[in-house]
Amino acid sequence: MAATAKRRIAVFRALQLGDMLVAVPALAALRRGEPGAQITLVGLPWAHDFARRYASLLDDFLAFPGAPGLPEQADGGDAALQRFFETARARQFDLAIQLHGSGTLTNQIVSRLGARRVGGFFPGGAARPAAPGLWVPWPGGNEISRLLALTEALGYPSADTRLSFPLQEHDAESWRRLAAEFGLRDGEFVCIHPGARMLSRRWPVERFADVARQLQRRWRVVVTGAPDEAALDARLCALIGGPVVNLCGRTSLGAMAALVAHARLLLCNDTGASHIAAAVRTPSVVVSCGSDSGRWAPLDHTLHRVLAYHPPCRPCAWQSCPYGHECALRIEADTVAETATQLAERPFHHA
């Protein structure tokens, strides 16, 4: 008797790091419900490494070249998009899951993957998509919970809402090298991550520096950031003064997670670093500016604190705020420092 072919499932989520991390519980629910399936992540090119890290949940990766209207990836052009669809259709997916937003821009993309059946969100109040499958109205609430609402609707078992980040041996080795080079000890330093992809999501660097100077009285301060945030991090270090460890551009994704796992606290904007802290169980203070804080806040309100002010213009999609950035300026440094100190004073045991 011939072996039964594996079910082939595509999951479309062409987004950045934080968006991918909050999707892990939904991916875990899918894997539990489809333990023998071939699950392919369809995502931005950078996410190939993400798929390899989560090899227990994902079997394959297909890079999405971008499309008009989707801001996360520059549009690669009609020819690249056509090649992408041809490659996807050749894989003959049994199911394609649209796990990327309300579906306003992405349902058409997922419907063209050639899957026999499609599942996903569609905007509330809009017509249900014509593609055969199961379509769920776009719900409100936290991103983790709303993605799990889709997997549950597709018939997969309820899942744990906690995030995870599998640390590998080379991540641990990166931590050991950094610890030896800079004299870092478990639980004796705090990480400060002042960057965010959108300027409207950034709390003023001067206020980060003010908080850092207060924390510096008791703990060492380590500044982190992506290579393109070097100028921002250098300015922060200059404003802080004293013995600051600047690791901007010196950590891979895994090394960053390992570093945060050994930190006493992470202070950051509402960005991917926040979800790394949630995944490795490190306490965090998130200064949330511009974004939908209820949608992206960590679910564990004991371990993580989100500080936000909500003017009528929020949430916004501005790269740079045109209204004076009230949502950021109304959050005082002393409030953040007090919250951070309270969390950091707890017994250290999570690394």
C-alpha atoms as a PDB file:
ATOM      1  CA  MET A   1       0.000   0.000   0.000  1.00  0.00           C
ATOM      2  CA  ALA A   2       1.383   3.412  -0.964  1.00  0.00           C
ATOM      3  CA  ALA A   3       2.237   5.812   1.857  1.00  0.00           C
ATOM      4  CA  THR A   4      -0.272   8.595   2.406  1.00  0.00           C
ATOM      5  CA  ALA A   5       1.101  11.929   1.211  1.00  0.00           C
ATOM      6  CA  LYS A   6       1.665  14.574   3.859  1.00  0.00           C
ATOM      7  CA  ARG A   7      -0.810  17.412   4.020  1.00  0.00           C
ATOM      8  CA  ARG A   8       0.823  20.584   2.733  1.00  0.00           C
ATOM      9  CA  ILE A   9      -0.027  23.771   4.637  1.00  0.00           C
ATOM     10  CA  ALA A  10       1.131  27.316   3.897  1.00  0.00           C
ATOM     11  CA  VAL A  11       1.038  30.024   6.587  1.00  0.00           C
ATOM     12  CA  PHE A  12       1.253  33.569   5.232  1.00  0.00           C
ATOM     13  CA  ARG A  13       2.678  36.134   7.680  1.00  0.00           C
ATOM     14  CA  ALA A  14       5.076  38.471   5.892  1.00  0.00           C
ATOM     15  CA  LEU A  15       5.967  40.717   8.830  1.00  0.00           C
ATOM     16  CA  GLN A  16       8.821  41.740  11.129  1.00  0.00           C
ATOM     17  CA  LEU A  17      10.294  40.123  14.230  1.00  0.00           C
ATOM     18  CA  GLY A  18       7.792  41.150  16.895  1.00  0.00           C
ATOM     19  CA  ASP A  19       4.871  40.204  14.668  1.00  0.00           C
ATOM     20  CA  MET A  20       6.414  36.786  14.093  1.00  0.00           C
ATOM     21  CA  LEU A  21       7.096  36.121  17.769  1.00  0.00           C
ATOM     22  CA  VAL A  22       3.483  36.777  18.785  1.00  0.00           C
ATOM     23  CA  ALA A  23       2.384  34.267  16.116  1.00  0.00           C
ATOM     24  CA  VAL A  24       4.324  31.403  17.734  1.00  0.00           C
ATOM     25  CA  PRO A  25       1.397  30.227  19.922  1.00  0.00           C
ATOM     26  CA  ALA A  26      -0.821  29.985  16.817  1.00  0.00           C
ATOM     27  CA  LEU A  27       1.914  28.092  14.958  1.00  0.00           C
ATOM     28  CA  ALA A  28       2.210  25.740  17.938  1.00  0.00           C
ATOM     29  CA  ALA A  29      -1.552  25.131  17.869  1.00  0.00           C
ATOM     30  CA  LEU A  30      -1.345  24.358  14.156  1.00  0.00           C
ATOM     31  CA  ARG A  31       1.492  21.895  14.704  1.00  0.00           C
ATOM     32  CA  ARG A  32      -0.358  20.128  17.526  1.00  0.00           C
ATOM     33  CA  GLY A  33      -3.398  19.790  15.304  1.00  0.00           C
ATOM     34  CA  GLU A  34      -1.385  18.725  12.239  1.00  0.00           C
ATOM     35  CA  PRO A  35       1.608  16.768  13.635  1.00  0.00           C
ATOM     36  CA  GLY A  36       2.315  15.012  10.334  1.00  0.00           C
ATOM     37  CA  ALA A  37       1.788  17.941   7.964  1.00  0.00           C
ATOM     38  CA  GLN A  38       4.409  19.755   5.906  1.00  0.00           C
ATOM     39  CA  ILE A  39       4.032  23.328   7.187  1.00  0.00           C
ATOM     40  CA  THR A  40       5.588  26.131   5.142  1.00  0.00           C
ATOM     41  CA  LEU A  41       6.002  29.655   6.431  1.00  0.00           C
ATOM     42  CA  VAL A  42       5.484  32.240   3.699  1.00  0.00           C
ATOM     43  CA  GLY A  43       7.247  35.337   4.982  1.00  0.00           C
ATOM     44  CA  LEU A  44       9.728  38.119   4.354  1.00  0.00           C
ATOM     45  CA  PRO A  45      13.223  36.977   3.322  1.00  0.00           C
ATOM     46  CA  TRP A  46      14.717  37.691   6.776  1.00  0.00           C
ATOM     47  CA  ALA A  47      12.297  35.157   8.325  1.00  0.00           C
ATOM     48  CA  HIS A  48      14.149  32.202   6.776  1.00  0.00           C
ATOM     49  CA  ASP A  49      16.326  32.203   9.903  1.00  0.00           C
ATOM     50  CA  PHE A  50      13.190  32.467  12.050  1.00  0.00           C
ATOM     51  CA  ALA A  51      11.750  29.359  10.369  1.00  0.00           C
ATOM     52  CA  ARG A  52      14.983  27.424  10.999  1.00  0.00           C
ATOM     53  CA  ARG A  53      14.942  28.383  14.675  1.00  0.00           C
ATOM     54  CA  TYR A  54      11.371  27.101  15.015  1.00  0.00           C
ATOM     55  CA  ALA A  55      12.031  23.865  13.163  1.00  0.00           C
ATOM     56  CA  SER A  56       9.750  21.956  15.543  1.00  0.00           C
ATOM     57  CA  LEU A  57       6.829  24.033  14.245  1.00  0.00           C
ATOM     58  CA  LEU A  58       7.840  24.780  10.646  1.00  0.00           C
ATOM     59  CA  ASP A  59       9.185  22.442   7.980  1.00  0.00           C
ATOM     60  CA  ASP A  60       9.862  24.808   5.111  1.00  0.00           C
ATOM     61  CA  PHE A  61      10.081  28.444   4.101  1.00  0.00           C
ATOM     62  CA  LEU A  62       8.986  30.383   1.034  1.00  0.00           C
ATOM     63  CA  ALA A  63      10.206  33.980   0.672  1.00  0.00           C
ATOM     64  CA  PHE A  64       7.588  36.580  -0.255  1.00  0.00           C
ATOM     65  CA  PRO A  65       9.014  39.335  -2.520  1.00  0.00           C
ATOM     66  CA  GLY A  66       6.569  42.051  -1.489  1.00  0.00           C
ATOM     67  CA  ALA A  67       3.501  43.476  -3.208  1.00  0.00           C
ATOM     68  CA  PRO A  68       1.931  46.911  -3.774  1.00  0.00           C
ATOM     69  CA  GLY A  69       0.440  48.364  -0.610  1.00  0.00           C
ATOM     70  CA  LEU A  70       2.311  46.170   1.870  1.00  0.00           C
ATOM     71  CA  PRO A  71       4.798  48.407   3.715  1.00  0.00           C
ATOM     72  CA  GLU A  72       6.942  45.738   5.373  1.00  0.00           C
ATOM     73  CA  GLN A  73       8.842  44.803   2.202  1.00  0.00           C
ATOM     74  CA  ALA A  74       9.710  46.878  -0.842  1.00  0.00           C
ATOM     75  CA  ASP A  75       7.675  45.752  -3.833  1.00  0.00           C
ATOM     76  CA  GLY A  76       9.945  43.454  -5.839  1.00  0.00           C
ATOM     77  CA  GLY A  77       8.030  44.081  -9.051  1.00  0.00           C
ATOM     78  CA  ASP A  78       5.509  42.173 -11.135  1.00  0.00           C
ATOM     79  CA  ALA A  79       8.002  39.613 -12.425  1.00  0.00           C
ATOM     80  CA  ALA A  80       9.201  38.642  -8.936  1.00  0.00           C
ATOM     81  CA  LEU A  81       5.635  38.391  -7.662  1.00  0.00           C
ATOM     82  CA  GLN A  82       4.601  36.233 -10.609  1.00  0.00           C
ATOM     83  CA  ARG A  83       7.548  33.866 -10.006  1.00  0.00           C
ATOM     84  CA  PHE A  84       6.537  33.677  -6.354  1.00  0.00           C
ATOM     85  CA  PHE A  85       2.969  32.648  -7.212  1.00  0.00           C
ATOM     86  CA  GLU A  86       4.186  30.069  -9.733  1.00  0.00           C
ATOM     87  CA  THR A  87       6.483  28.544  -7.098  1.00  0.00           C
ATOM     88  CA  ALA A  88       3.683  28.508  -4.521  1.00  0.00           C
ATOM     89  CA  ARG A  89       1.176  26.887  -6.874  1.00  0.00           C
ATOM     90  CA  ALA A  90       3.719  24.233  -7.808  1.00  0.00           C
ATOM     91  CA  ARG A  91       3.800  23.127  -4.165  1.00  0.00           C
ATOM     92  CA  GLN A  92       0.091  22.234  -4.359  1.00  0.00           C
ATOM     93  CA  PHE A  93      -0.860  23.307  -0.860  1.00  0.00           C
ATOM     94  CA  ASP A  94      -3.869  21.633   0.682  1.00  0.00           C
ATOM     95  CA  LEU A  95      -4.486  24.578   2.982  1.00  0.00           C
ATOM     96  CA  ALA A  96      -3.257  28.191   2.997  1.00  0.00           C
ATOM     97  CA  ILE A  97      -3.751  30.197   6.199  1.00  0.00           C
ATOM     98  CA  GLN A  98      -3.887  33.981   6.040  1.00  0.00           C
ATOM     99  CA  LEU A  99      -2.317  34.954   9.381  1.00  0.00           C
ATOM    100  CA  HIS A 100      -1.408  38.486   8.301  1.00  0.00           C
ATOM    101  CA  GLY A 101      -3.743  41.244   9.433  1.00  0.00           C
ATOM    102  CA  SER A 102      -7.394  41.778   8.614  1.00  0.00           C
ATOM    103  CA  GLY A 103      -7.002  40.516   5.060  1.00  0.00           C
ATOM    104  CA  THR A 104      -7.743  43.825   3.340  1.00  0.00           C
ATOM    105  CA  LEU A 105      -4.482  43.577   1.393  1.00  0.00           C
ATOM    106  CA  THR A 106      -3.471  39.971   2.001  1.00  0.00           C
ATOM    107  CA  ASN A 107      -6.521  37.841   1.202  1.00  0.00           C
ATOM    108  CA  GLN A 108      -5.991  38.344  -2.517  1.00  0.00           C
ATOM    109  CA  ILE A 109      -2.365  37.219  -2.144  1.00  0.00           C
ATOM    110  CA  VAL A 110      -3.225  34.118  -0.126  1.00  0.00           C
ATOM    111  CA  SER A 111      -6.064  33.199  -2.495  1.00  0.00           C
ATOM    112  CA  ARG A 112      -3.526  33.146  -5.357  1.00  0.00           C
ATOM    113  CA  LEU A 113      -1.266  30.567  -3.686  1.00  0.00           C
ATOM    114  CA  GLY A 114      -3.302  27.845  -5.372  1.00  0.00           C
ATOM    115  CA  ALA A 115      -4.319  25.983  -2.200  1.00  0.00           C
ATOM    116  CA  ARG A 116      -7.334  23.699  -2.279  1.00  0.00           C
ATOM    117  CA  ARG A 117      -8.712  25.452   0.800  1.00  0.00           C
ATOM    118  CA  VAL A 118      -8.023  28.786   2.480  1.00  0.00           C
ATOM    119  CA  GLY A 119      -8.525  29.981   6.043  1.00  0.00           C
ATOM    120  CA  GLY A 120      -8.057  33.477   7.349  1.00  0.00           C
ATOM    121  CA  PHE A 121      -9.444  36.784   8.539  1.00  0.00           C
ATOM    122  CA  PHE A 122     -11.573  39.245   6.643  1.00  0.00           C
ATOM    123  CA  PRO A 123     -12.463  42.803   7.700  1.00  0.00           C
ATOM    124  CA  GLY A 124     -15.549  43.160   9.865  1.00  0.00           C
ATOM    125  CA  GLY A 125     -18.436  44.538   7.830  1.00  0.00           C
ATOM    126  CA  ALA A 126     -16.871  43.479   4.521  1.00  0.00           C
ATOM    127  CA  ALA A 127     -18.098  40.734   2.244  1.00  0.00           C
ATOM    128  CA  ARG A 128     -16.778  37.270   3.013  1.00  0.00           C
ATOM    129  CA  PRO A 129     -14.068  36.293   0.461  1.00  0.00           C
ATOM    130  CA  ALA A 130     -15.147  34.061  -2.397  1.00  0.00           C
ATOM    131  CA  ALA A 131     -12.258  31.584  -2.062  1.00  0.00           C
ATOM    132  CA  PRO A 132     -13.404  28.234  -0.620  1.00  0.00           C
ATOM    133  CA  GLY A 133     -12.499  27.770   3.027  1.00  0.00           C
ATOM    134  CA  LEU A 134     -13.125  29.139   6.476  1.00  0.00           C
ATOM    135  CA  TRP A 135     -13.127  32.915   6.935  1.00  0.00           C
ATOM    136  CA  VAL A 136     -13.271  34.599  10.330  1.00  0.00           C
ATOM    137  CA  PRO A 137     -14.214  38.265  10.922  1.00  0.00           C
ATOM    138  CA  TRP A 138     -11.173  40.240  12.101  1.00  0.00           C
ATOM    139  CA  PRO A 139     -11.508  40.355  15.913  1.00  0.00           C
ATOM    140  CA  GLY A 140     -10.245  42.925  18.368  1.00  0.00           C
ATOM    141  CA  GLY A 141      -8.012  42.300  21.344  1.00  0.00           C
ATOM    142  CA  ASN A 142      -4.443  41.194  21.843  1.00  0.00           C
ATOM    143  CA  GLU A 143      -2.608  39.906  18.764  1.00  0.00           C
ATOM    144  CA  ILE A 144      -1.731  36.564  20.373  1.00  0.00           C
ATOM    145  CA  SER A 145      -5.342  35.877  21.276  1.00  0.00           C
ATOM    146  CA  ARG A 146      -6.767  36.994  17.944  1.00  0.00           C
ATOM    147  CA  LEU A 147      -4.408  34.687  16.012  1.00  0.00           C
ATOM    148  CA  LEU A 148      -5.377  31.799  18.272  1.00  0.00           C
ATOM    149  CA  ALA A 149      -9.028  32.600  17.541  1.00  0.00           C
ATOM    150  CA  LEU A 150      -8.326  31.729  13.917  1.00  0.00           C
ATOM    151  CA  THR A 151      -6.554  28.438  14.643  1.00  0.00           C
ATOM    152  CA  GLU A 152      -9.394  27.453  16.975  1.00  0.00           C
ATOM    153  CA  ALA A 153     -11.935  28.297  14.276  1.00  0.00           C
ATOM    154  CA  LEU A 154      -9.982  26.050  11.907  1.00  0.00           C
ATOM    155  CA  GLY A 155     -10.474  23.209  14.378  1.00  0.00           C
ATOM    156  CA  TYR A 156      -7.066  23.119  16.029  1.00  0.00           C
ATOM    157  CA  PRO A 157      -6.798  22.675  19.807  1.00  0.00           C
ATOM    158  CA  SER A 158      -6.540  25.600  22.175  1.00  0.00           C
ATOM    159  CA  ALA A 159      -2.952  26.598  22.852  1.00  0.00           C
ATOM    160  CA  ASP A 160      -0.833  28.186  25.530  1.00  0.00           C
ATOM    161  CA  THR A 161      -0.593  31.942  24.994  1.00  0.00           C
ATOM    162  CA  ARG A 162       2.981  32.164  26.293  1.00  0.00           C
ATOM    163  CA  LEU A 163       5.687  33.083  23.803  1.00  0.00           C
ATOM    164  CA  SER A 164       8.821  31.024  23.331  1.00  0.00           C
ATOM    165  CA  PHE A 165      12.246  31.579  21.842  1.00  0.00           C
ATOM    166  CA  PRO A 166      14.418  28.449  21.413  1.00  0.00           C
ATOM    167  CA  LEU A 167      17.963  29.360  22.445  1.00  0.00           C
ATOM    168  CA  GLN A 168      20.636  27.322  20.681  1.00  0.00           C
ATOM    169  CA  GLU A 169      24.193  26.500  21.692  1.00  0.00           C
ATOM    170  CA  HIS A 170      25.708  29.185  19.471  1.00  0.00           C
ATOM    171  CA  ASP A 171      23.421  31.735  21.171  1.00  0.00           C
ATOM    172  CA  ALA A 172      24.724  30.633  24.567  1.00  0.00           C
ATOM    173  CA  GLU A 173      28.287  30.844  23.285  1.00  0.00           C
ATOM    174  CA  SER A 174      27.661  34.397  22.061  1.00  0.00           C
ATOM    175  CA  TRP A 175      26.436  35.304  25.545  1.00  0.00           C
ATOM    176  CA  ARG A 176      29.521  33.770  27.145  1.00  0.00           C
ATOM    177  CA  ARG A 177      31.811  35.756  24.847  1.00  0.00           C
ATOM    178  CA  LEU A 178      30.017  39.021  25.582  1.00  0.00           C
ATOM    179  CA  ALA A 179      29.959  38.295  29.309  1.00  0.00           C
ATOM    180  CA  ALA A 180      33.700  37.615  29.330  1.00  0.00           C
ATOM    181  CA  GLU A 181      34.554  40.662  27.215  1.00  0.00           C
ATOM    182  CA  PHE A 182      32.476  43.146  29.203  1.00  0.00           C
ATOM    183  CA  GLY A 183      32.376  41.508  32.637  1.00  0.00           C
ATOM    184  CA  LEU A 184      28.623  40.924  32.577  1.00  0.00           C
ATOM    185  CA  ARG A 185      27.080  38.753  35.296  1.00  0.00           C
ATOM    186  CA  ASP A 186      23.666  37.127  35.460  1.00  0.00           C
ATOM    187  CA  GLY A 187      21.076  39.505  36.850  1.00  0.00           C
ATOM    188  CA  GLU A 188      23.526  42.326  37.500  1.00  0.00           C
ATOM    189  CA  PHE A 189      22.709  44.421  34.436  1.00  0.00           C
ATOM    190  CA  VAL A 190      19.703  45.955  32.703  1.00  0.00           C
ATOM    191  CA  CYS A 191      19.253  46.198  28.936  1.00  0.00           C
ATOM    192  CA  ILE A 192      17.985  49.392  27.329  1.00  0.00           C
ATOM    193  CA  HIS A 193      16.776  49.216  23.736  1.00  0.00           C
ATOM    194  CA  PRO A 194      15.873  52.770  22.573  1.00  0.00           C
ATOM    195  CA  GLY A 195      15.127  52.059  18.920  1.00  0.00           C
ATOM    196  CA  ALA A 196      12.029  51.237  16.900  1.00  0.00           C
ATOM    197  CA  ARG A 197      11.482  51.028  13.150  1.00  0.00           C
ATOM    198  CA  MET A 198       9.036  53.965  13.170  1.00  0.00           C
ATOM    199  CA  LEU A 199      10.095  57.273  14.699  1.00  0.00           C
ATOM    200  CA  SER A 200       6.582  57.711  16.079  1.00  0.00           C
ATOM    201  CA  ARG A 201       7.169  54.596  18.199  1.00  0.00           C
ATOM    202  CA  ARG A 202      10.276  56.026  19.886  1.00  0.00           C
ATOM    203  CA  TRP A 203      10.243  57.556  23.349  1.00  0.00           C
ATOM    204  CA  PRO A 204      12.729  60.486  23.469  1.00  0.00           C
ATOM    205  CA  VAL A 205      16.319  59.331  23.851  1.00  0.00           C
ATOM    206  CA  GLU A 206      16.914  62.007  26.496  1.00  0.00           C
ATOM    207  CA  ARG A 207      14.300  60.342  28.700  1.00  0.00           C
ATOM    208  CA  PHE A 208      15.818  56.919  28.172  1.00  0.00           C
ATOM    209  CA  ALA A 209      19.091  58.462  29.334  1.00  0.00           C
ATOM    210  CA  ASP A 210      17.466  59.947  32.431  1.00  0.00           C
ATOM    211  CA  VAL A 211      16.045  56.550  33.407  1.00  0.00           C
ATOM    212  CA  ALA A 212      19.339  54.825  32.639  1.00  0.00           C
ATOM    213  CA  ARG A 213      21.239  57.161  34.971  1.00  0.00           C
ATOM    214  CA  GLN A 214      18.841  56.291  37.786  1.00  0.00           C
ATOM    215  CA  LEU A 215      19.138  52.558  37.152  1.00  0.00           C
ATOM    216  CA  GLN A 216      22.904  52.880  36.835  1.00  0.00           C
ATOM    217  CA  ARG A 217      23.162  53.582  40.552  1.00  0.00           C
ATOM    218  CA  ARG A 218      22.458  49.920  41.258  1.00  0.00           C
ATOM    219  CA  TRP A 219      22.940  47.932  38.065  1.00  0.00           C
ATOM    220  CA  ARG A 220      25.158  48.037  35.011  1.00  0.00           C
ATOM    221  CA  VAL A 221      23.524  49.392  31.860  1.00  0.00           C
ATOM    222  CA  VAL A 222      23.779  47.604  28.513  1.00  0.00           C
ATOM    223  CA  VAL A 223      22.477  49.377  25.403  1.00  0.00           C
ATOM    224  CA  THR A 224      21.289  47.286  22.439  1.00  0.00           C
ATOM    225  CA  GLY A 225      20.122  48.063  18.925  1.00  0.00           C
ATOM    226  CA  ALA A 226      20.235  47.150  15.259  1.00  0.00           C
ATOM    227  CA  PRO A 227      23.191  48.324  13.129  1.00  0.00           C
ATOM    228  CA  ASP A 228      21.110  51.112  11.582  1.00  0.00           C
ATOM    229  CA  GLU A 229      20.440  52.469  15.084  1.00  0.00           C
ATOM    230  CA  ALA A 230      24.131  53.111  15.795  1.00  0.00           C
ATOM    231  CA  ALA A 231      23.774  56.901  15.897  1.00  0.00           C
ATOM    232  CA  LEU A 232      20.791  56.702  18.251  1.00  0.00           C
ATOM    233  CA  ASP A 233      22.571  54.306  20.610  1.00  0.00           C
ATOM    234  CA  ALA A 234      25.782  56.347  20.553  1.00  0.00           C
ATOM    235  CA  ARG A 235      23.802  59.445  21.520  1.00  0.00           C
ATOM    236  CA  LEU A 236      22.104  57.541  24.331  1.00  0.00           C
ATOM    237  CA  CYS A 237      25.446  56.328  25.691  1.00  0.00           C
ATOM    238  CA  ALA A 238      26.871  59.853  25.542  1.00  0.00           C
ATOM    239  CA  LEU A 239      23.861  61.234  27.421  1.00  0.00           C
ATOM    240  CA  ILE A 240      24.066  58.541  30.087  1.00  0.00           C
ATOM    241  CA  GLY A 241      27.764  58.986  30.706  1.00  0.00           C
ATOM    242  CA  GLY A 242      29.807  56.661  32.876  1.00  0.00           C
ATOM    243  CA  PRO A 243      30.538  52.997  32.171  1.00  0.00           C
ATOM    244  CA  VAL A 244      27.856  52.004  29.669  1.00  0.00           C
ATOM    245  CA  VAL A 245      28.197  48.846  27.559  1.00  0.00           C
ATOM    246  CA  ASN A 246      27.151  49.628  23.980  1.00  0.00           C
ATOM    247  CA  LEU A 247      26.320  46.442  22.077  1.00  0.00           C
ATOM    248  CA  CYS A 248      24.523  48.117  19.174  1.00  0.00           C
ATOM    249  CA  GLY A 249      25.003  46.018  16.043  1.00  0.00           C
ATOM    250  CA  ARG A 250      27.034  43.399  17.910  1.00  0.00           C
ATOM    251  CA  THR A 251      24.318  40.823  18.546  1.00  0.00           C
ATOM    252  CA  SER A 252      22.518  38.479  16.205  1.00  0.00           C
ATOM    253  CA  LEU A 253      18.872  37.757  16.945  1.00  0.00           C
ATOM    254  CA  GLY A 254      19.803  34.698  18.992  1.00  0.00           C
ATOM    255  CA  ALA A 255      22.596  36.496  20.834  1.00  0.00           C
ATOM    256  CA  MET A 256      20.231  39.349  21.653  1.00  0.00           C
ATOM    257  CA  ALA A 257      17.728  36.881  23.118  1.00  0.00           C
ATOM    258  CA  ALA A 258      20.441  35.158  25.147  1.00  0.00           C
ATOM    259  CA  LEU A 259      21.657  38.519  26.457  1.00  0.00           C
ATOM    260  CA  VAL A 260      18.135  39.568  27.467  1.00  0.00           C
ATOM    261  CA  ALA A 261      17.597  36.181  29.119  1.00  0.00           C
ATOM    262  CA  HIS A 262      20.486  36.935  31.486  1.00  0.00           C
ATOM    263  CA  ALA A 263      19.438  40.553  32.132  1.00  0.00           C
ATOM    264  CA  ARG A 264      17.606  41.703  35.214  1.00  0.00           C
ATOM    265  CA  LEU A 265      15.291  43.894  33.155  1.00  0.00           C
ATOM    266  CA  LEU A 266      14.653  45.176  29.640  1.00  0.00           C
ATOM    267  CA  LEU A 267      13.523  48.759  29.039  1.00  0.00           C
ATOM    268  CA  CYS A 268      12.330  49.401  25.484  1.00  0.00           C
ATOM    269  CA  ASN A 269       9.766  50.900  23.167  1.00  0.00           C
ATOM    270  CA  ASP A 270       6.791  48.926  21.878  1.00  0.00           C
ATOM    271  CA  THR A 271       8.877  46.934  19.413  1.00  0.00           C
ATOM    272  CA  GLY A 272      10.265  43.454  18.747  1.00  0.00           C
ATOM    273  CA  ALA A 273      12.619  43.590  21.737  1.00  0.00           C
ATOM    274  CA  SER A 274       9.570  43.595  24.006  1.00  0.00           C
ATOM    275  CA  HIS A 275       8.433  40.251  22.625  1.00  0.00           C
ATOM    276  CA  ILE A 276      11.923  38.793  23.024  1.00  0.00           C
ATOM    277  CA  ALA A 277      11.749  39.640  26.739  1.00  0.00           C
ATOM    278  CA  ALA A 278       8.319  38.028  26.982  1.00  0.00           C
ATOM    279  CA  ALA A 279       9.593  34.913  25.208  1.00  0.00           C
ATOM    280  CA  VAL A 280      12.623  34.437  27.493  1.00  0.00           C
ATOM    281  CA  ARG A 281      10.699  35.453  30.675  1.00  0.00           C
ATOM    282  CA  THR A 282      12.751  38.555  31.472  1.00  0.00           C
ATOM    283  CA  PRO A 283      10.854  41.381  33.217  1.00  0.00           C
ATOM    284  CA  SER A 284      10.332  44.396  30.996  1.00  0.00           C
ATOM    285  CA  VAL A 285       9.069  47.948  30.993  1.00  0.00           C
ATOM    286  CA  VAL A 286       7.626  48.931  27.626  1.00  0.00           C
ATOM    287  CA  VAL A 287       7.137  52.612  26.851  1.00  0.00           C
ATOM    288  CA  SER A 288       4.375  52.424  24.275  1.00  0.00           C
ATOM    289  CA  CYS A 289       4.086  55.396  21.899  1.00  0.00           C
ATOM    290  CA  GLY A 290       1.810  55.605  18.884  1.00  0.00           C
ATOM    291  CA  SER A 291       0.991  51.918  18.629  1.00  0.00           C
ATOM    292  CA  ASP A 292      -2.117  49.989  19.659  1.00  0.00           C
ATOM    293  CA  SER A 293      -0.747  49.044  23.077  1.00  0.00           C
ATOM    294  CA  GLY A 294      -3.636  46.719  23.889  1.00  0.00           C
ATOM    295  CA  ARG A 295      -2.983  44.749  20.738  1.00  0.00           C
ATOM    296  CA  TRP A 296       0.768  44.355  21.260  1.00  0.00           C
ATOM    297  CA  ALA A 297       1.235  44.399  25.045  1.00  0.00           C
ATOM    298  CA  PRO A 298       2.665  41.284  26.741  1.00  0.00           C
ATOM    299  CA  LEU A 299      -0.115  39.240  28.311  1.00  0.00           C
ATOM    300  CA  ASP A 300       1.736  38.687  31.606  1.00  0.00           C
ATOM    301  CA  HIS A 301       1.037  41.958  33.408  1.00  0.00           C
ATOM    302  CA  THR A 302       2.995  40.853  36.465  1.00  0.00           C
ATOM    303  CA  LEU A 303       6.282  40.331  34.651  1.00  0.00           C
ATOM    304  CA  HIS A 304       5.836  43.124  32.108  1.00  0.00           C
ATOM    305  CA  ARG A 305       4.575  46.682  32.506  1.00  0.00           C
ATOM    306  CA  VAL A 306       3.367  48.816  29.609  1.00  0.00           C
ATOM    307  CA  LEU A 307       3.299  52.592  30.115  1.00  0.00           C
ATOM    308  CA  ALA A 308       1.177  54.518  27.623  1.00  0.00           C
ATOM    309  CA  TYR A 309      -0.783  57.716  27.153  1.00  0.00           C
ATOM    310  CA  HIS A 310      -3.701  57.647  24.722  1.00  0.00           C
ATOM    311  CA  PRO A 311      -4.573  60.888  22.909  1.00  0.00           C
ATOM    312  CA  PRO A 312      -7.448  60.735  20.369  1.00  0.00           C
ATOM    313  CA  CYS A 313      -5.047  60.306  17.414  1.00  0.00           C
ATOM    314  CA  ARG A 314      -3.820  56.964  18.686  1.00  0.00           C
ATOM    315  CA  PRO A 315      -3.120  54.376  17.324  1.00  0.00           C
ATOM    316  CA  CYS A 316      -1.399  55.890  14.334  1.00  0.00           C
ATOM    317  CA  ALA A 317       0.561  54.783  11.290  1.00  0.00           C
ATOM    318  CA  TRP A 318       2.722  57.894  10.971  1.00  0.00           C
ATOM    319  CA  GLN A 319       6.441  57.339  10.478  1.00  0.00           C
ATOM    320  CA  SER A 320       7.040  60.624  12.313  1.00  0.00           C
ATOM    321  CA  CYS A 321       4.324  62.210  14.458  1.00  0.00           C
ATOM    322  CA  PRO A 322       2.878  65.442  12.959  1.00  0.00           C
ATOM    323  CA  TYR A 323       1.049  66.422  16.160  1.00  0.00           C
ATOM    324  CA  GLY A 324       3.858  67.065  18.647  1.00  0.00           C
ATOM    325  CA  HIS A 325       4.224  63.435  19.807  1.00  0.00           C
ATOM    326  CA  GLU A 326       2.002  63.935  22.838  1.00  0.00           C
ATOM    327  CA  CYS A 327       1.688  60.186  23.447  1.00  0.00           C
ATOM    328  CA  ALA A 328       5.443  60.075  24.090  1.00  0.00           C
ATOM    329  CA  LEU A 329       5.981  63.355  25.896  1.00  0.00           C
ATOM    330  CA  ARG A 330       3.223  62.725  28.440  1.00  0.00           C
ATOM    331  CA  ILE A 331       5.160  59.708  29.782  1.00  0.00           C
ATOM    332  CA  GLU A 332       7.601  61.084  32.344  1.00  0.00           C
ATOM    333  CA  ALA A 333      11.065  59.662  32.946  1.00  0.00           C
ATOM    334  CA  ASP A 334      10.520  59.468  36.714  1.00  0.00           C
ATOM    335  CA  THR A 335       7.428  57.315  36.207  1.00  0.00           C
ATOM    336  CA  VAL A 336       9.347  54.937  33.963  1.00  0.00           C
ATOM    337  CA  ALA A 337      12.322  54.841  36.354  1.00  0.00           C
ATOM    338  CA  GLU A 338      10.097  54.053  39.331  1.00  0.00           C
ATOM    339  CA  THR A 339       8.326  51.254  37.452  1.00  0.00           C
ATOM    340  CA  ALA A 340      11.612  49.834  36.186  1.00  0.00           C
ATOM    341  CA  THR A 341      13.196  49.911  39.635  1.00  0.00           C
ATOM    342  CA  GLN A 342      10.233  48.113  41.202  1.00  0.00           C
ATOM    343  CA  LEU A 343      10.500  45.297  38.648  1.00  0.00           C
ATOM    344  CA  ALA A 344      14.289  45.091  38.787  1.00  0.00           C
ATOM    345  CA  GLU A 345      14.271  44.814  42.580  1.00  0.00           C
ATOM    346  CA  ARG A 346      12.461  41.483  42.432  1.00  0.00           C
ATOM    347  CA  PRO A 347      14.545  38.354  43.084  1.00  0.00           C
ATOM    348  CA  PHE A 348      16.453  37.341  39.966  1.00  0.00           C
ATOM    349  CA  HIS A 349      15.688  33.775  38.898  1.00  0.00           C
ATOM    350  CA  HIS A 350      14.600  33.709  35.253  1.00  0.00           C
ATOM    351  CA  ALA A 351      17.912  33.092  33.402  1.00  0.00           C
END
